[in-house]
Amino acid sequence: MGLISRPNSLNLIRQNITIIPKVPITLHGIDGRYATALFSAASKTDNLNSVELELKQVKSAIKKDAKINNFLEDPSLNRNQKKLGVQEFLKQGKYCDITKSFFQVLAENGRLNETIKIVDAYVSLMAAHRGEILVTIITAKELDPKLSDKLKASLSKSKFVKPNQKLQIENKINPSILGGLVIEIGGDQTIDLSIASKIAKLNKLLTEENKNEKRKHVASAIVRFPELEKVLVFPYNTIRFISHSGNMSPGNGYASQYDYRRV
């Protein structure tokens, strides 16, 4: 392990948040920026693996203890209270100076509520660093091990995975997808085979068909009553015509006045 004093580790992390260090993959968003800064600082001090292990321990503690999660998410606590609280939490385990300093920076910057996302982003960086590619398979219930093995074998031969990359399979449970599965590859590619996605596509198709029917009815009315075209100032699918006298059938002639409104 590299030796570095606590104040220096703090400065190192702060500096890396404001610059773009060299990392194996580019991550975006707040979680990506902080994970990248931590990766760079840990790399310079030869603490990459220990920081990853410690972050996973922190994540596990958050998942197991609702009080810890509530503390991190609580917007009523000021930054100094968050800083003191996270210091007390870290005293319960053995953490290197880089990890301690990192959580101090998160507290100072009001970013403790991003902890889980940052941990996941750092794990992705470490996987890329080791030549691994993380594949997250999201299912409505726990994935059968045999199916997991088949998916791993298929994905390893696919265009999504380079020949020198090692697949790391992770299964996440999300009942809201209803069934099927969603495959996230490397954090930037997604294959959505969920039932929820199919239902959403079907609903969209039905909505589009309904809009097309409205357009057909309006177009038909314009053909039968050409003068209507002059007053149509809105998209055809958003207009409703109301006759004030007579009706719009060719046999009775057409009304002399119409009310056109958005629907």
C-alpha atoms as a PDB file:
ATOM      1  CA  MET A   1       0.000   0.000   0.000  1.00  0.00           C
ATOM      2  CA  GLY A   2       1.210   3.501  -0.753  1.00  0.00           C
ATOM      3  CA  LEU A   3       1.801   5.804   2.184  1.00  0.00           C
ATOM      4  CA  ILE A   4      -0.024   9.125   2.136  1.00  0.00           C
ATOM      5  CA  SER A   5      -1.022  11.506   4.902  1.00  0.00           C
ATOM      6  CA  ARG A   6      -4.681  12.306   5.532  1.00  0.00           C
ATOM      7  CA  PRO A   7      -4.482  15.990   4.490  1.00  0.00           C
ATOM      8  CA  ASN A   8      -2.657  15.060   1.280  1.00  0.00           C
ATOM      9  CA  SER A   9      -5.252  12.394   0.416  1.00  0.00           C
ATOM     10  CA  LEU A  10      -7.988  14.994   0.876  1.00  0.00           C
ATOM     11  CA  ASN A  11      -6.256  17.403  -1.513  1.00  0.00           C
ATOM     12  CA  LEU A  12      -5.649  14.610  -4.001  1.00  0.00           C
ATOM     13  CA  ILE A  13      -9.335  13.712  -4.157  1.00  0.00           C
ATOM     14  CA  ARG A  14     -10.437  17.361  -4.347  1.00  0.00           C
ATOM     15  CA  GLN A  15      -8.037  18.017  -7.220  1.00  0.00           C
ATOM     16  CA  ASN A  16      -9.212  14.976  -9.156  1.00  0.00           C
ATOM     17  CA  ILE A  17     -12.858  16.047  -8.895  1.00  0.00           C
ATOM     18  CA  THR A  18     -12.097  19.235 -10.850  1.00  0.00           C
ATOM     19  CA  ILE A  19      -9.908  17.623 -13.538  1.00  0.00           C
ATOM     20  CA  ILE A  20     -10.371  14.670 -15.895  1.00  0.00           C
ATOM     21  CA  PRO A  21      -7.817  11.989 -14.935  1.00  0.00           C
ATOM     22  CA  LYS A  22      -6.907   9.057 -17.162  1.00  0.00           C
ATOM     23  CA  VAL A  23      -9.202   6.107 -16.445  1.00  0.00           C
ATOM     24  CA  PRO A  24     -10.044   2.827 -18.254  1.00  0.00           C
ATOM     25  CA  ILE A  25     -13.561   3.980 -19.184  1.00  0.00           C
ATOM     26  CA  THR A  26     -15.316   7.341 -19.220  1.00  0.00           C
ATOM     27  CA  LEU A  27     -18.232   7.698 -16.816  1.00  0.00           C
ATOM     28  CA  HIS A  28     -20.716  10.558 -16.785  1.00  0.00           C
ATOM     29  CA  GLY A  29     -22.939  12.186 -14.185  1.00  0.00           C
ATOM     30  CA  ILE A  30     -22.233  13.090 -10.562  1.00  0.00           C
ATOM     31  CA  ASP A  31     -21.549   9.479  -9.577  1.00  0.00           C
ATOM     32  CA  GLY A  32     -19.191   9.017 -12.508  1.00  0.00           C
ATOM     33  CA  ARG A  33     -17.256  12.197 -11.714  1.00  0.00           C
ATOM     34  CA  TYR A  34     -16.715  11.300  -8.054  1.00  0.00           C
ATOM     35  CA  ALA A  35     -15.928   7.647  -8.795  1.00  0.00           C
ATOM     36  CA  THR A  36     -13.372   8.762 -11.393  1.00  0.00           C
ATOM     37  CA  ALA A  37     -11.734  11.142  -8.905  1.00  0.00           C
ATOM     38  CA  LEU A  38     -11.543   8.387  -6.291  1.00  0.00           C
ATOM     39  CA  PHE A  39     -10.138   5.902  -8.816  1.00  0.00           C
ATOM     40  CA  SER A  40      -7.387   8.336  -9.804  1.00  0.00           C
ATOM     41  CA  ALA A  41      -6.485   9.132  -6.179  1.00  0.00           C
ATOM     42  CA  ALA A  42      -6.483   5.446  -5.205  1.00  0.00           C
ATOM     43  CA  SER A  43      -4.363   4.590  -8.250  1.00  0.00           C
ATOM     44  CA  LYS A  44      -1.718   7.185  -7.360  1.00  0.00           C
ATOM     45  CA  THR A  45      -1.466   5.777  -3.840  1.00  0.00           C
ATOM     46  CA  ASP A  46      -1.646   2.091  -4.848  1.00  0.00           C
ATOM     47  CA  ASN A  47      -4.952   1.605  -3.027  1.00  0.00           C
ATOM     48  CA  LEU A  48      -7.250   0.594  -5.881  1.00  0.00           C
ATOM     49  CA  ASN A  49      -8.143  -2.864  -4.595  1.00  0.00           C
ATOM     50  CA  SER A  50      -8.418  -1.935  -0.927  1.00  0.00           C
ATOM     51  CA  VAL A  51     -10.690   1.024  -1.731  1.00  0.00           C
ATOM     52  CA  GLU A  52     -12.933  -1.212  -3.840  1.00  0.00           C
ATOM     53  CA  LEU A  53     -13.233  -3.729  -1.007  1.00  0.00           C
ATOM     54  CA  GLU A  54     -13.981  -0.992   1.524  1.00  0.00           C
ATOM     55  CA  LEU A  55     -16.604   0.625  -0.692  1.00  0.00           C
ATOM     56  CA  LYS A  56     -18.352  -2.715  -1.050  1.00  0.00           C
ATOM     57  CA  GLN A  57     -18.342  -3.029   2.751  1.00  0.00           C
ATOM     58  CA  VAL A  58     -19.912   0.430   3.054  1.00  0.00           C
ATOM     59  CA  LYS A  59     -22.572  -0.464   0.475  1.00  0.00           C
ATOM     60  CA  SER A  60     -23.359  -3.696   2.296  1.00  0.00           C
ATOM     61  CA  ALA A  61     -23.750  -1.822   5.589  1.00  0.00           C
ATOM     62  CA  ILE A  62     -26.100   0.706   3.962  1.00  0.00           C
ATOM     63  CA  LYS A  63     -28.247  -2.069   2.482  1.00  0.00           C
ATOM     64  CA  LYS A  64     -28.474  -3.907   5.806  1.00  0.00           C
ATOM     65  CA  ASP A  65     -29.114  -0.923   8.082  1.00  0.00           C
ATOM     66  CA  ALA A  66     -31.944   1.447   7.173  1.00  0.00           C
ATOM     67  CA  LYS A  67     -30.705   3.965   9.759  1.00  0.00           C
ATOM     68  CA  ILE A  68     -27.447   4.448   7.853  1.00  0.00           C
ATOM     69  CA  ASN A  69     -29.293   4.904   4.576  1.00  0.00           C
ATOM     70  CA  ASN A  70     -31.723   7.380   6.167  1.00  0.00           C
ATOM     71  CA  PHE A  71     -28.789   9.345   7.581  1.00  0.00           C
ATOM     72  CA  LEU A  72     -27.138   9.632   4.162  1.00  0.00           C
ATOM     73  CA  GLU A  73     -30.417  10.653   2.505  1.00  0.00           C
ATOM     74  CA  ASP A  74     -31.660  13.040   5.235  1.00  0.00           C
ATOM     75  CA  PRO A  75     -31.797  16.584   3.728  1.00  0.00           C
ATOM     76  CA  SER A  76     -32.522  18.186   7.122  1.00  0.00           C
ATOM     77  CA  LEU A  77     -28.966  17.514   8.376  1.00  0.00           C
ATOM     78  CA  ASN A  78     -26.387  20.150   7.500  1.00  0.00           C
ATOM     79  CA  ARG A  79     -23.039  19.270   5.982  1.00  0.00           C
ATOM     80  CA  ASN A  80     -21.131  19.495   9.241  1.00  0.00           C
ATOM     81  CA  GLN A  81     -23.560  17.065  10.879  1.00  0.00           C
ATOM     82  CA  LYS A  82     -23.162  14.705   7.942  1.00  0.00           C
ATOM     83  CA  LYS A  83     -19.381  14.988   8.164  1.00  0.00           C
ATOM     84  CA  LEU A  84     -19.327  14.140  11.889  1.00  0.00           C
ATOM     85  CA  GLY A  85     -21.812  11.322  11.406  1.00  0.00           C
ATOM     86  CA  VAL A  86     -19.867   9.655   8.601  1.00  0.00           C
ATOM     87  CA  GLN A  87     -16.648   9.913  10.614  1.00  0.00           C
ATOM     88  CA  GLU A  88     -18.338   8.019  13.463  1.00  0.00           C
ATOM     89  CA  PHE A  89     -19.585   5.412  11.026  1.00  0.00           C
ATOM     90  CA  LEU A  90     -16.114   4.847   9.529  1.00  0.00           C
ATOM     91  CA  LYS A  91     -14.622   4.389  12.999  1.00  0.00           C
ATOM     92  CA  GLN A  92     -16.575   1.129  13.251  1.00  0.00           C
ATOM     93  CA  GLY A  93     -14.372  -0.516  10.627  1.00  0.00           C
ATOM     94  CA  LYS A  94     -10.870  -0.459   9.210  1.00  0.00           C
ATOM     95  CA  TYR A  95     -10.659   1.931   6.281  1.00  0.00           C
ATOM     96  CA  CYS A  96      -7.643   3.411   4.526  1.00  0.00           C
ATOM     97  CA  ASP A  97      -7.037   7.173   4.508  1.00  0.00           C
ATOM     98  CA  ILE A  98      -8.180   7.491   0.890  1.00  0.00           C
ATOM     99  CA  THR A  99     -11.596   6.016   1.721  1.00  0.00           C
ATOM    100  CA  LYS A 100     -11.960   8.138   4.872  1.00  0.00           C
ATOM    101  CA  SER A 101     -10.961  11.292   3.024  1.00  0.00           C
ATOM    102  CA  PHE A 102     -13.305  10.502   0.168  1.00  0.00           C
ATOM    103  CA  PHE A 103     -16.349  10.287   2.424  1.00  0.00           C
ATOM    104  CA  GLN A 104     -15.268  13.510   4.106  1.00  0.00           C
ATOM    105  CA  VAL A 105     -15.296  15.211   0.700  1.00  0.00           C
ATOM    106  CA  LEU A 106     -18.730  13.729  -0.073  1.00  0.00           C
ATOM    107  CA  ALA A 107     -20.041  15.140   3.216  1.00  0.00           C
ATOM    108  CA  GLU A 108     -18.496  18.562   2.592  1.00  0.00           C
ATOM    109  CA  ASN A 109     -19.974  18.706  -0.912  1.00  0.00           C
ATOM    110  CA  GLY A 110     -23.406  17.430   0.112  1.00  0.00           C
ATOM    111  CA  ARG A 111     -23.095  14.280  -1.988  1.00  0.00           C
ATOM    112  CA  LEU A 112     -23.484  11.497   0.599  1.00  0.00           C
ATOM    113  CA  ASN A 113     -26.881  10.685  -0.883  1.00  0.00           C
ATOM    114  CA  GLU A 114     -25.023   9.576  -4.039  1.00  0.00           C
ATOM    115  CA  THR A 115     -22.967   6.952  -2.154  1.00  0.00           C
ATOM    116  CA  ILE A 116     -24.547   3.804  -3.630  1.00  0.00           C
ATOM    117  CA  LYS A 117     -24.314   5.114  -7.195  1.00  0.00           C
ATOM    118  CA  ILE A 118     -20.705   6.176  -6.682  1.00  0.00           C
ATOM    119  CA  VAL A 119     -19.775   2.767  -5.288  1.00  0.00           C
ATOM    120  CA  ASP A 120     -21.338   1.051  -8.315  1.00  0.00           C
ATOM    121  CA  ALA A 121     -19.526   3.440 -10.664  1.00  0.00           C
ATOM    122  CA  TYR A 122     -16.188   2.735  -8.946  1.00  0.00           C
ATOM    123  CA  VAL A 123     -16.786  -1.019  -9.237  1.00  0.00           C
ATOM    124  CA  SER A 124     -17.379  -0.521 -12.971  1.00  0.00           C
ATOM    125  CA  LEU A 125     -14.073   1.334 -13.270  1.00  0.00           C
ATOM    126  CA  MET A 126     -12.269  -1.464 -11.446  1.00  0.00           C
ATOM    127  CA  ALA A 127     -13.864  -4.095 -13.673  1.00  0.00           C
ATOM    128  CA  ALA A 128     -12.663  -2.218 -16.769  1.00  0.00           C
ATOM    129  CA  HIS A 129      -9.241  -1.842 -15.150  1.00  0.00           C
ATOM    130  CA  ARG A 130      -9.010  -5.642 -14.806  1.00  0.00           C
ATOM    131  CA  GLY A 131     -10.200  -6.238 -18.362  1.00  0.00           C
ATOM    132  CA  GLU A 132     -13.623  -7.356 -17.159  1.00  0.00           C
ATOM    133  CA  ILE A 133     -17.006  -6.288 -18.458  1.00  0.00           C
ATOM    134  CA  LEU A 134     -19.876  -6.198 -16.009  1.00  0.00           C
ATOM    135  CA  VAL A 135     -23.160  -7.593 -17.290  1.00  0.00           C
ATOM    136  CA  THR A 136     -26.201  -6.909 -15.135  1.00  0.00           C
ATOM    137  CA  ILE A 137     -29.197  -9.125 -15.823  1.00  0.00           C
ATOM    138  CA  ILE A 138     -32.380  -7.632 -14.394  1.00  0.00           C
ATOM    139  CA  THR A 139     -35.234 -10.082 -13.829  1.00  0.00           C
ATOM    140  CA  ALA A 140     -38.602 -10.039 -12.042  1.00  0.00           C
ATOM    141  CA  LYS A 141     -37.420 -12.885  -9.813  1.00  0.00           C
ATOM    142  CA  GLU A 142     -34.086 -14.582  -9.121  1.00  0.00           C
ATOM    143  CA  LEU A 143     -32.359 -15.815 -12.277  1.00  0.00           C
ATOM    144  CA  ASP A 144     -31.962 -19.565 -12.668  1.00  0.00           C
ATOM    145  CA  PRO A 145     -28.225 -20.508 -12.556  1.00  0.00           C
ATOM    146  CA  LYS A 146     -28.507 -22.659 -15.701  1.00  0.00           C
ATOM    147  CA  LEU A 147     -30.056 -19.788 -17.641  1.00  0.00           C
ATOM    148  CA  SER A 148     -27.367 -17.471 -16.292  1.00  0.00           C
ATOM    149  CA  ASP A 149     -24.659 -19.786 -17.644  1.00  0.00           C
ATOM    150  CA  LYS A 150     -26.357 -19.976 -21.050  1.00  0.00           C
ATOM    151  CA  LEU A 151     -26.639 -16.190 -21.231  1.00  0.00           C
ATOM    152  CA  LYS A 152     -22.982 -15.804 -20.257  1.00  0.00           C
ATOM    153  CA  ALA A 153     -21.913 -18.230 -22.987  1.00  0.00           C
ATOM    154  CA  SER A 154     -24.032 -16.442 -25.611  1.00  0.00           C
ATOM    155  CA  LEU A 155     -22.937 -12.941 -24.609  1.00  0.00           C
ATOM    156  CA  SER A 156     -19.253 -13.908 -24.585  1.00  0.00           C
ATOM    157  CA  LYS A 157     -19.568 -14.704 -28.308  1.00  0.00           C
ATOM    158  CA  SER A 158     -21.613 -11.611 -29.135  1.00  0.00           C
ATOM    159  CA  LYS A 159     -20.569  -8.276 -30.650  1.00  0.00           C
ATOM    160  CA  PHE A 160     -21.030  -6.632 -27.238  1.00  0.00           C
ATOM    161  CA  VAL A 161     -17.969  -8.338 -25.733  1.00  0.00           C
ATOM    162  CA  LYS A 162     -14.399  -8.037 -27.000  1.00  0.00           C
ATOM    163  CA  PRO A 163     -12.294 -11.232 -27.274  1.00  0.00           C
ATOM    164  CA  ASN A 164      -9.959 -10.228 -24.423  1.00  0.00           C
ATOM    165  CA  GLN A 165     -12.737  -9.239 -22.001  1.00  0.00           C
ATOM    166  CA  LYS A 166     -13.903 -11.386 -19.078  1.00  0.00           C
ATOM    167  CA  LEU A 167     -17.609 -11.420 -18.333  1.00  0.00           C
ATOM    168  CA  GLN A 168     -18.838 -10.736 -14.809  1.00  0.00           C
ATOM    169  CA  ILE A 169     -22.521 -11.607 -14.418  1.00  0.00           C
ATOM    170  CA  GLU A 170     -24.667  -9.866 -11.808  1.00  0.00           C
ATOM    171  CA  ASN A 171     -28.378 -10.521 -11.247  1.00  0.00           C
ATOM    172  CA  LYS A 172     -30.656  -7.748  -9.961  1.00  0.00           C
ATOM    173  CA  ILE A 173     -34.300  -8.264  -9.025  1.00  0.00           C
ATOM    174  CA  ASN A 174     -36.876  -5.730 -10.231  1.00  0.00           C
ATOM    175  CA  PRO A 175     -40.497  -6.976 -10.076  1.00  0.00           C
ATOM    176  CA  SER A 176     -41.713  -3.933 -12.054  1.00  0.00           C
ATOM    177  CA  ILE A 177     -40.412  -5.422 -15.337  1.00  0.00           C
ATOM    178  CA  LEU A 178     -43.145  -8.108 -14.859  1.00  0.00           C
ATOM    179  CA  GLY A 179     -41.196 -10.811 -16.667  1.00  0.00           C
ATOM    180  CA  GLY A 180     -38.526 -11.437 -19.278  1.00  0.00           C
ATOM    181  CA  LEU A 181     -35.213  -9.704 -18.656  1.00  0.00           C
ATOM    182  CA  VAL A 182     -33.176  -6.560 -19.195  1.00  0.00           C
ATOM    183  CA  ILE A 183     -29.459  -6.948 -19.929  1.00  0.00           C
ATOM    184  CA  GLU A 184     -27.129  -4.042 -19.153  1.00  0.00           C
ATOM    185  CA  ILE A 185     -23.647  -4.446 -20.629  1.00  0.00           C
ATOM    186  CA  GLY A 186     -20.716  -2.399 -19.409  1.00  0.00           C
ATOM    187  CA  GLY A 187     -22.974   0.359 -18.108  1.00  0.00           C
ATOM    188  CA  ASP A 188     -23.582   1.883 -21.562  1.00  0.00           C
ATOM    189  CA  GLN A 189     -25.471  -0.779 -23.551  1.00  0.00           C
ATOM    190  CA  THR A 190     -28.921  -2.173 -22.823  1.00  0.00           C
ATOM    191  CA  ILE A 191     -30.956  -5.025 -24.287  1.00  0.00           C
ATOM    192  CA  ASP A 192     -34.552  -4.738 -23.092  1.00  0.00           C
ATOM    193  CA  LEU A 193     -36.479  -8.011 -23.397  1.00  0.00           C
ATOM    194  CA  SER A 194     -38.859  -7.341 -20.521  1.00  0.00           C
ATOM    195  CA  ILE A 195     -42.617  -7.829 -20.619  1.00  0.00           C
ATOM    196  CA  ALA A 196     -43.056  -4.273 -19.303  1.00  0.00           C
ATOM    197  CA  SER A 197     -41.165  -2.978 -22.342  1.00  0.00           C
ATOM    198  CA  LYS A 198     -43.327  -5.020 -24.719  1.00  0.00           C
ATOM    199  CA  ILE A 199     -46.491  -3.670 -23.074  1.00  0.00           C
ATOM    200  CA  ALA A 200     -45.165  -0.104 -23.383  1.00  0.00           C
ATOM    201  CA  LYS A 201     -44.440  -0.660 -27.099  1.00  0.00           C
ATOM    202  CA  LEU A 202     -47.928  -2.101 -27.606  1.00  0.00           C
ATOM    203  CA  ASN A 203     -49.527   0.877 -25.851  1.00  0.00           C
ATOM    204  CA  LYS A 204     -47.506   3.243 -28.027  1.00  0.00           C
ATOM    205  CA  LEU A 205     -48.608   1.378 -31.149  1.00  0.00           C
ATOM    206  CA  LEU A 206     -52.276   1.560 -30.117  1.00  0.00           C
ATOM    207  CA  THR A 207     -51.917   5.280 -29.346  1.00  0.00           C
ATOM    208  CA  GLU A 208     -50.389   5.936 -32.763  1.00  0.00           C
ATOM    209  CA  GLU A 209     -53.178   3.963 -34.455  1.00  0.00           C
ATOM    210  CA  ASN A 210     -55.738   6.050 -32.568  1.00  0.00           C
ATOM    211  CA  LYS A 211     -54.044   9.269 -33.727  1.00  0.00           C
ATOM    212  CA  ASN A 212     -53.991   7.998 -37.312  1.00  0.00           C
ATOM    213  CA  GLU A 213     -57.725   7.286 -37.136  1.00  0.00           C
ATOM    214  CA  LYS A 214     -58.346  10.873 -35.975  1.00  0.00           C
ATOM    215  CA  ARG A 215     -56.273  12.207 -38.854  1.00  0.00           C
ATOM    216  CA  LYS A 216     -58.294  10.101 -41.323  1.00  0.00           C
ATOM    217  CA  HIS A 217     -61.614  11.451 -40.002  1.00  0.00           C
ATOM    218  CA  VAL A 218     -60.452  15.086 -40.227  1.00  0.00           C
ATOM    219  CA  ALA A 219     -58.975  14.566 -43.694  1.00  0.00           C
ATOM    220  CA  SER A 220     -62.275  13.045 -44.813  1.00  0.00           C
ATOM    221  CA  ALA A 221     -64.187  16.055 -43.449  1.00  0.00           C
ATOM    222  CA  ILE A 222     -61.901  18.453 -45.332  1.00  0.00           C
ATOM    223  CA  VAL A 223     -62.467  16.574 -48.586  1.00  0.00           C
ATOM    224  CA  ARG A 224     -66.223  16.818 -48.106  1.00  0.00           C
ATOM    225  CA  PHE A 225     -66.165  20.414 -46.843  1.00  0.00           C
ATOM    226  CA  PRO A 226     -63.163  22.251 -48.414  1.00  0.00           C
ATOM    227  CA  GLU A 227     -63.887  25.507 -46.554  1.00  0.00           C
ATOM    228  CA  LEU A 228     -62.895  23.820 -43.288  1.00  0.00           C
ATOM    229  CA  GLU A 229     -59.273  23.764 -44.398  1.00  0.00           C
ATOM    230  CA  LYS A 230     -59.118  27.575 -44.172  1.00  0.00           C
ATOM    231  CA  VAL A 231     -59.914  27.607 -40.452  1.00  0.00           C
ATOM    232  CA  LEU A 232     -57.656  24.733 -39.445  1.00  0.00           C
ATOM    233  CA  VAL A 233     -54.790  26.395 -37.642  1.00  0.00           C
ATOM    234  CA  PHE A 234     -53.996  23.471 -35.299  1.00  0.00           C
ATOM    235  CA  PRO A 235     -52.650  19.964 -36.070  1.00  0.00           C
ATOM    236  CA  TYR A 236     -55.458  17.794 -37.484  1.00  0.00           C
ATOM    237  CA  ASN A 237     -55.244  15.214 -34.703  1.00  0.00           C
ATOM    238  CA  THR A 238     -55.972  17.850 -32.022  1.00  0.00           C
ATOM    239  CA  ILE A 239     -59.152  19.378 -33.507  1.00  0.00           C
ATOM    240  CA  ARG A 240     -62.776  18.601 -32.718  1.00  0.00           C
ATOM    241  CA  PHE A 241     -65.536  20.023 -34.964  1.00  0.00           C
ATOM    242  CA  ILE A 242     -68.935  20.921 -33.528  1.00  0.00           C
ATOM    243  CA  SER A 243     -71.756  21.930 -35.835  1.00  0.00           C
ATOM    244  CA  HIS A 244     -73.967  24.815 -34.630  1.00  0.00           C
ATOM    245  CA  SER A 245     -76.557  24.501 -37.397  1.00  0.00           C
ATOM    246  CA  GLY A 246     -77.492  21.667 -39.636  1.00  0.00           C
ATOM    247  CA  ASN A 247     -75.112  18.682 -39.778  1.00  0.00           C
ATOM    248  CA  MET A 248     -72.034  17.752 -41.769  1.00  0.00           C
ATOM    249  CA  SER A 249     -73.568  15.146 -44.034  1.00  0.00           C
ATOM    250  CA  PRO A 250     -73.480  15.940 -47.776  1.00  0.00           C
ATOM    251  CA  GLY A 251     -77.213  15.293 -48.050  1.00  0.00           C
ATOM    252  CA  ASN A 252     -78.097  18.209 -45.775  1.00  0.00           C
ATOM    253  CA  GLY A 253     -75.411  20.559 -46.975  1.00  0.00           C
ATOM    254  CA  TYR A 254     -72.859  21.795 -44.440  1.00  0.00           C
ATOM    255  CA  ALA A 255     -73.211  24.071 -41.490  1.00  0.00           C
ATOM    256  CA  SER A 256     -72.524  27.756 -41.914  1.00  0.00           C
ATOM    257  CA  GLN A 257     -70.671  27.965 -38.582  1.00  0.00           C
ATOM    258  CA  TYR A 258     -68.313  25.572 -36.793  1.00  0.00           C
ATOM    259  CA  ASP A 259     -66.580  25.567 -33.477  1.00  0.00           C
ATOM    260  CA  TYR A 260     -63.053  24.057 -33.649  1.00  0.00           C
ATOM    261  CA  ARG A 261     -61.400  23.237 -30.340  1.00  0.00           C
ATOM    262  CA  ARG A 262     -58.416  21.354 -29.049  1.00  0.00           C
ATOM    263  CA  VAL A 263     -59.225  17.880 -27.712  1.00  0.00           C
END
